[in-house]
């Protein structure tokens, strides 16, 4: 239970940041889904059980912050978290391109599932928005991954220097 504390805090932070992003960041009318990015990032580093539980939490947070179709958010995020947890054992590596492309296709899967569970718009509009969201999520994941790796390298260097 304690391993869910920091990811949940990060999901709340992502929801807060996502709600305050300027409209100028949009591509094809889509804004980045930072809650989904954080979910996938954590689920890629863990197992499927962790991914589905964190997906449930992410869907609850995202659905409550939007105020619509909480059940659709919970279901799609839980499935996406589970798939990301399955993928982590096969694809995850130290290369920044792998998580970036994983977020790209997992965002498409999540968006497709959301459209199946909650069809609200016509398919052509959904595909355009989903393409923009995939691109933005991939960009944010790439930048986040590089920042995390930089902080991790600094931490490791400090540990090495402390031992000398």
C-alpha atoms as a PDB file:
ATOM      1  CA  UNK A   1       0.000   0.000   0.000  1.00  0.00           C
ATOM      2  CA  UNK A   2       2.844   2.366   0.749  1.00  0.00           C
ATOM      3  CA  UNK A   3       4.210   2.062  -2.791  1.00  0.00           C
ATOM      4  CA  UNK A   4       1.112   3.871  -4.101  1.00  0.00           C
ATOM      5  CA  UNK A   5       1.646   7.063  -2.070  1.00  0.00           C
ATOM      6  CA  UNK A   6       4.163   8.879  -4.331  1.00  0.00           C
ATOM      7  CA  UNK A   7       2.495   7.828  -7.587  1.00  0.00           C
ATOM      8  CA  UNK A   8      -0.858   9.052  -6.259  1.00  0.00           C
ATOM      9  CA  UNK A   9       0.671  12.381  -5.228  1.00  0.00           C
ATOM     10  CA  UNK A  10       2.194  12.676  -8.719  1.00  0.00           C
ATOM     11  CA  UNK A  11      -1.203  11.925 -10.275  1.00  0.00           C
ATOM     12  CA  UNK A  12      -2.824  14.704  -8.237  1.00  0.00           C
ATOM     13  CA  UNK A  13      -0.038  17.094  -9.248  1.00  0.00           C
ATOM     14  CA  UNK A  14      -0.424  16.096 -12.902  1.00  0.00           C
ATOM     15  CA  UNK A  15      -4.189  16.694 -12.715  1.00  0.00           C
ATOM     16  CA  UNK A  16      -3.590  20.126 -11.213  1.00  0.00           C
ATOM     17  CA  UNK A  17      -1.007  21.074 -13.826  1.00  0.00           C
ATOM     18  CA  UNK A  18      -3.144  19.664 -16.624  1.00  0.00           C
ATOM     19  CA  UNK A  19      -6.091  21.804 -15.561  1.00  0.00           C
ATOM     20  CA  UNK A  20      -3.964  24.948 -15.726  1.00  0.00           C
ATOM     21  CA  UNK A  21      -2.130  24.433 -19.026  1.00  0.00           C
ATOM     22  CA  UNK A  22      -2.525  27.266 -21.544  1.00  0.00           C
ATOM     23  CA  UNK A  23      -4.528  26.592 -24.681  1.00  0.00           C
ATOM     24  CA  UNK A  24      -1.507  27.495 -26.812  1.00  0.00           C
ATOM     25  CA  UNK A  25      -0.009  24.067 -26.085  1.00  0.00           C
ATOM     26  CA  UNK A  26      -2.739  22.271 -28.041  1.00  0.00           C
ATOM     27  CA  UNK A  27      -2.148  20.357 -31.278  1.00  0.00           C
ATOM     28  CA  UNK A  28      -5.137  19.530 -33.528  1.00  0.00           C
ATOM     29  CA  UNK A  29      -7.372  20.805 -30.719  1.00  0.00           C
ATOM     30  CA  UNK A  30      -5.944  18.338 -28.188  1.00  0.00           C
ATOM     31  CA  UNK A  31      -4.297  19.085 -24.883  1.00  0.00           C
ATOM     32  CA  UNK A  32      -1.764  16.727 -23.293  1.00  0.00           C
ATOM     33  CA  UNK A  33      -3.151  14.199 -20.831  1.00  0.00           C
ATOM     34  CA  UNK A  34      -0.561  14.488 -18.061  1.00  0.00           C
ATOM     35  CA  UNK A  35      -2.458  12.137 -15.763  1.00  0.00           C
ATOM     36  CA  UNK A  36      -2.181   9.443 -18.429  1.00  0.00           C
ATOM     37  CA  UNK A  37       1.518  10.217 -18.934  1.00  0.00           C
ATOM     38  CA  UNK A  38       2.221   9.791 -15.204  1.00  0.00           C
ATOM     39  CA  UNK A  39       0.150   6.605 -15.088  1.00  0.00           C
ATOM     40  CA  UNK A  40       1.981   5.043 -18.019  1.00  0.00           C
ATOM     41  CA  UNK A  41       5.383   6.148 -16.725  1.00  0.00           C
ATOM     42  CA  UNK A  42       4.821   4.477 -13.358  1.00  0.00           C
ATOM     43  CA  UNK A  43       3.112   1.404 -14.839  1.00  0.00           C
ATOM     44  CA  UNK A  44       5.985   0.835 -17.289  1.00  0.00           C
ATOM     45  CA  UNK A  45       8.346   0.617 -14.338  1.00  0.00           C
ATOM     46  CA  UNK A  46       6.203  -1.838 -12.366  1.00  0.00           C
ATOM     47  CA  UNK A  47       4.095  -4.979 -12.791  1.00  0.00           C
ATOM     48  CA  UNK A  48       0.557  -5.348 -14.234  1.00  0.00           C
ATOM     49  CA  UNK A  49      -1.114  -5.480 -10.793  1.00  0.00           C
ATOM     50  CA  UNK A  50       0.454  -2.148  -9.870  1.00  0.00           C
ATOM     51  CA  UNK A  51      -0.537  -0.723 -13.252  1.00  0.00           C
ATOM     52  CA  UNK A  52      -4.198  -1.692 -12.965  1.00  0.00           C
ATOM     53  CA  UNK A  53      -4.466  -0.366  -9.397  1.00  0.00           C
ATOM     54  CA  UNK A  54      -2.762   2.890 -10.270  1.00  0.00           C
ATOM     55  CA  UNK A  55      -4.923   3.064 -13.401  1.00  0.00           C
ATOM     56  CA  UNK A  56      -8.019   2.827 -11.221  1.00  0.00           C
ATOM     57  CA  UNK A  57      -6.699   5.664  -9.028  1.00  0.00           C
ATOM     58  CA  UNK A  58      -5.750   7.734 -12.103  1.00  0.00           C
ATOM     59  CA  UNK A  59      -9.184   7.216 -13.647  1.00  0.00           C
ATOM     60  CA  UNK A  60     -10.870   8.242 -10.416  1.00  0.00           C
ATOM     61  CA  UNK A  61      -8.743  11.387 -10.116  1.00  0.00           C
ATOM     62  CA  UNK A  62      -9.141  12.320 -13.777  1.00  0.00           C
ATOM     63  CA  UNK A  63     -12.853  11.572 -13.856  1.00  0.00           C
ATOM     64  CA  UNK A  64     -13.523  13.592 -10.717  1.00  0.00           C
ATOM     65  CA  UNK A  65     -11.472  16.523 -11.989  1.00  0.00           C
ATOM     66  CA  UNK A  66     -13.365  16.557 -15.299  1.00  0.00           C
ATOM     67  CA  UNK A  67     -16.702  15.778 -13.678  1.00  0.00           C
ATOM     68  CA  UNK A  68     -18.021  13.545 -16.453  1.00  0.00           C
ATOM     69  CA  UNK A  69     -18.167   9.809 -17.029  1.00  0.00           C
ATOM     70  CA  UNK A  70     -16.038   8.762 -14.072  1.00  0.00           C
ATOM     71  CA  UNK A  71     -16.672   5.094 -14.859  1.00  0.00           C
ATOM     72  CA  UNK A  72     -15.296   5.436 -18.390  1.00  0.00           C
ATOM     73  CA  UNK A  73     -12.152   7.114 -17.068  1.00  0.00           C
ATOM     74  CA  UNK A  74     -11.664   4.398 -14.433  1.00  0.00           C
ATOM     75  CA  UNK A  75     -12.167   1.535 -16.891  1.00  0.00           C
ATOM     76  CA  UNK A  76      -9.928   2.908 -19.640  1.00  0.00           C
ATOM     77  CA  UNK A  77      -7.130   3.968 -17.284  1.00  0.00           C
ATOM     78  CA  UNK A  78      -7.185   0.625 -15.449  1.00  0.00           C
ATOM     79  CA  UNK A  79      -6.923  -1.296 -18.734  1.00  0.00           C
ATOM     80  CA  UNK A  80      -4.157   1.026 -19.970  1.00  0.00           C
ATOM     81  CA  UNK A  81      -2.240   0.648 -16.694  1.00  0.00           C
ATOM     82  CA  UNK A  82      -2.532  -3.132 -16.930  1.00  0.00           C
ATOM     83  CA  UNK A  83      -1.262  -3.183 -20.529  1.00  0.00           C
ATOM     84  CA  UNK A  84       1.619  -0.854 -19.616  1.00  0.00           C
ATOM     85  CA  UNK A  85       2.545  -3.177 -16.751  1.00  0.00           C
ATOM     86  CA  UNK A  86       2.590  -6.135 -19.144  1.00  0.00           C
ATOM     87  CA  UNK A  87       4.715  -4.218 -21.642  1.00  0.00           C
ATOM     88  CA  UNK A  88       7.262  -3.183 -19.028  1.00  0.00           C
ATOM     89  CA  UNK A  89       8.805  -6.624 -18.765  1.00  0.00           C
ATOM     90  CA  UNK A  90       9.290  -6.878 -22.531  1.00  0.00           C
ATOM     91  CA  UNK A  91      10.121  -3.416 -23.872  1.00  0.00           C
ATOM     92  CA  UNK A  92      11.393  -1.102 -21.144  1.00  0.00           C
ATOM     93  CA  UNK A  93      15.004  -0.026 -21.500  1.00  0.00           C
ATOM     94  CA  UNK A  94      17.372   2.817 -20.739  1.00  0.00           C
ATOM     95  CA  UNK A  95      16.734   4.396 -24.129  1.00  0.00           C
ATOM     96  CA  UNK A  96      14.373   7.423 -24.001  1.00  0.00           C
ATOM     97  CA  UNK A  97      12.751   6.434 -27.299  1.00  0.00           C
ATOM     98  CA  UNK A  98      11.175   3.244 -25.898  1.00  0.00           C
ATOM     99  CA  UNK A  99       9.016   4.935 -23.207  1.00  0.00           C
ATOM    100  CA  UNK A 100       8.185   7.731 -25.645  1.00  0.00           C
ATOM    101  CA  UNK A 101       6.809   5.340 -28.261  1.00  0.00           C
ATOM    102  CA  UNK A 102       5.143   3.266 -25.549  1.00  0.00           C
ATOM    103  CA  UNK A 103       3.240   6.342 -24.370  1.00  0.00           C
ATOM    104  CA  UNK A 104       2.385   7.146 -27.981  1.00  0.00           C
ATOM    105  CA  UNK A 105       0.659   3.855 -28.706  1.00  0.00           C
ATOM    106  CA  UNK A 106      -0.755   3.434 -25.186  1.00  0.00           C
ATOM    107  CA  UNK A 107      -2.382   6.860 -25.481  1.00  0.00           C
ATOM    108  CA  UNK A 108      -3.962   5.709 -28.741  1.00  0.00           C
ATOM    109  CA  UNK A 109      -5.203   2.520 -27.055  1.00  0.00           C
ATOM    110  CA  UNK A 110      -6.614   4.471 -24.102  1.00  0.00           C
ATOM    111  CA  UNK A 111      -8.313   6.989 -26.394  1.00  0.00           C
ATOM    112  CA  UNK A 112      -9.791   4.234 -28.518  1.00  0.00           C
ATOM    113  CA  UNK A 113     -11.114   2.437 -25.460  1.00  0.00           C
ATOM    114  CA  UNK A 114     -12.572   5.673 -24.117  1.00  0.00           C
ATOM    115  CA  UNK A 115     -14.361   6.231 -27.419  1.00  0.00           C
ATOM    116  CA  UNK A 116     -15.785   2.693 -27.229  1.00  0.00           C
ATOM    117  CA  UNK A 117     -16.967   3.132 -23.643  1.00  0.00           C
ATOM    118  CA  UNK A 118     -18.221   6.695 -24.083  1.00  0.00           C
ATOM    119  CA  UNK A 119     -18.944   7.624 -27.717  1.00  0.00           C
ATOM    120  CA  UNK A 120     -19.627  11.360 -27.664  1.00  0.00           C
ATOM    121  CA  UNK A 121     -18.124  12.731 -30.875  1.00  0.00           C
ATOM    122  CA  UNK A 122     -17.928  11.628 -34.479  1.00  0.00           C
ATOM    123  CA  UNK A 123     -14.957   9.470 -35.394  1.00  0.00           C
ATOM    124  CA  UNK A 124     -13.133  11.991 -37.613  1.00  0.00           C
ATOM    125  CA  UNK A 125     -12.975  14.573 -34.804  1.00  0.00           C
ATOM    126  CA  UNK A 126     -11.895  11.948 -32.298  1.00  0.00           C
ATOM    127  CA  UNK A 127      -9.069  10.727 -34.529  1.00  0.00           C
ATOM    128  CA  UNK A 128      -7.716  14.263 -34.988  1.00  0.00           C
ATOM    129  CA  UNK A 129      -7.815  15.030 -31.276  1.00  0.00           C
ATOM    130  CA  UNK A 130      -6.355  11.626 -30.439  1.00  0.00           C
ATOM    131  CA  UNK A 131      -3.475  12.155 -32.877  1.00  0.00           C
ATOM    132  CA  UNK A 132      -2.677  15.501 -31.275  1.00  0.00           C
ATOM    133  CA  UNK A 133      -2.891  14.016 -27.785  1.00  0.00           C
ATOM    134  CA  UNK A 134      -0.574  11.150 -28.764  1.00  0.00           C
ATOM    135  CA  UNK A 135       2.013  13.600 -30.090  1.00  0.00           C
ATOM    136  CA  UNK A 136       1.818  15.877 -27.046  1.00  0.00           C
ATOM    137  CA  UNK A 137       1.970  12.989 -24.571  1.00  0.00           C
ATOM    138  CA  UNK A 138       5.006  11.579 -26.383  1.00  0.00           C
ATOM    139  CA  UNK A 139       6.765  14.966 -26.263  1.00  0.00           C
ATOM    140  CA  UNK A 140       6.017  15.414 -22.553  1.00  0.00           C
ATOM    141  CA  UNK A 141       7.146  11.852 -21.824  1.00  0.00           C
ATOM    142  CA  UNK A 142      10.421  12.352 -23.678  1.00  0.00           C
ATOM    143  CA  UNK A 143      11.135  15.565 -21.743  1.00  0.00           C
ATOM    144  CA  UNK A 144      10.073  14.004 -18.434  1.00  0.00           C
ATOM    145  CA  UNK A 145      12.213  10.934 -19.047  1.00  0.00           C
ATOM    146  CA  UNK A 146      15.284  13.052 -19.831  1.00  0.00           C
ATOM    147  CA  UNK A 147      14.731  15.152 -16.695  1.00  0.00           C
ATOM    148  CA  UNK A 148      14.300  12.080 -14.487  1.00  0.00           C
ATOM    149  CA  UNK A 149      17.403  10.478 -15.950  1.00  0.00           C
ATOM    150  CA  UNK A 150      19.386  13.693 -15.340  1.00  0.00           C
ATOM    151  CA  UNK A 151      18.276  13.809 -11.690  1.00  0.00           C
ATOM    152  CA  UNK A 152      19.035  10.117 -11.289  1.00  0.00           C
ATOM    153  CA  UNK A 153      22.537  10.555 -12.740  1.00  0.00           C
ATOM    154  CA  UNK A 154      23.198  13.446 -10.351  1.00  0.00           C
ATOM    155  CA  UNK A 155      22.022  11.333  -7.427  1.00  0.00           C
ATOM    156  CA  UNK A 156      24.282   8.467  -8.462  1.00  0.00           C
ATOM    157  CA  UNK A 157      27.253  10.828  -8.881  1.00  0.00           C
ATOM    158  CA  UNK A 158      26.697  12.211  -5.400  1.00  0.00           C
ATOM    159  CA  UNK A 159      26.633   8.700  -3.979  1.00  0.00           C
ATOM    160  CA  UNK A 160      29.847   7.796  -5.787  1.00  0.00           C
ATOM    161  CA  UNK A 161      31.554  10.984  -4.638  1.00  0.00           C
ATOM    162  CA  UNK A 162      30.403  10.395  -1.062  1.00  0.00           C
ATOM    163  CA  UNK A 163      32.077   6.975  -1.046  1.00  0.00           C
ATOM    164  CA  UNK A 164      35.405   8.368  -2.285  1.00  0.00           C
END
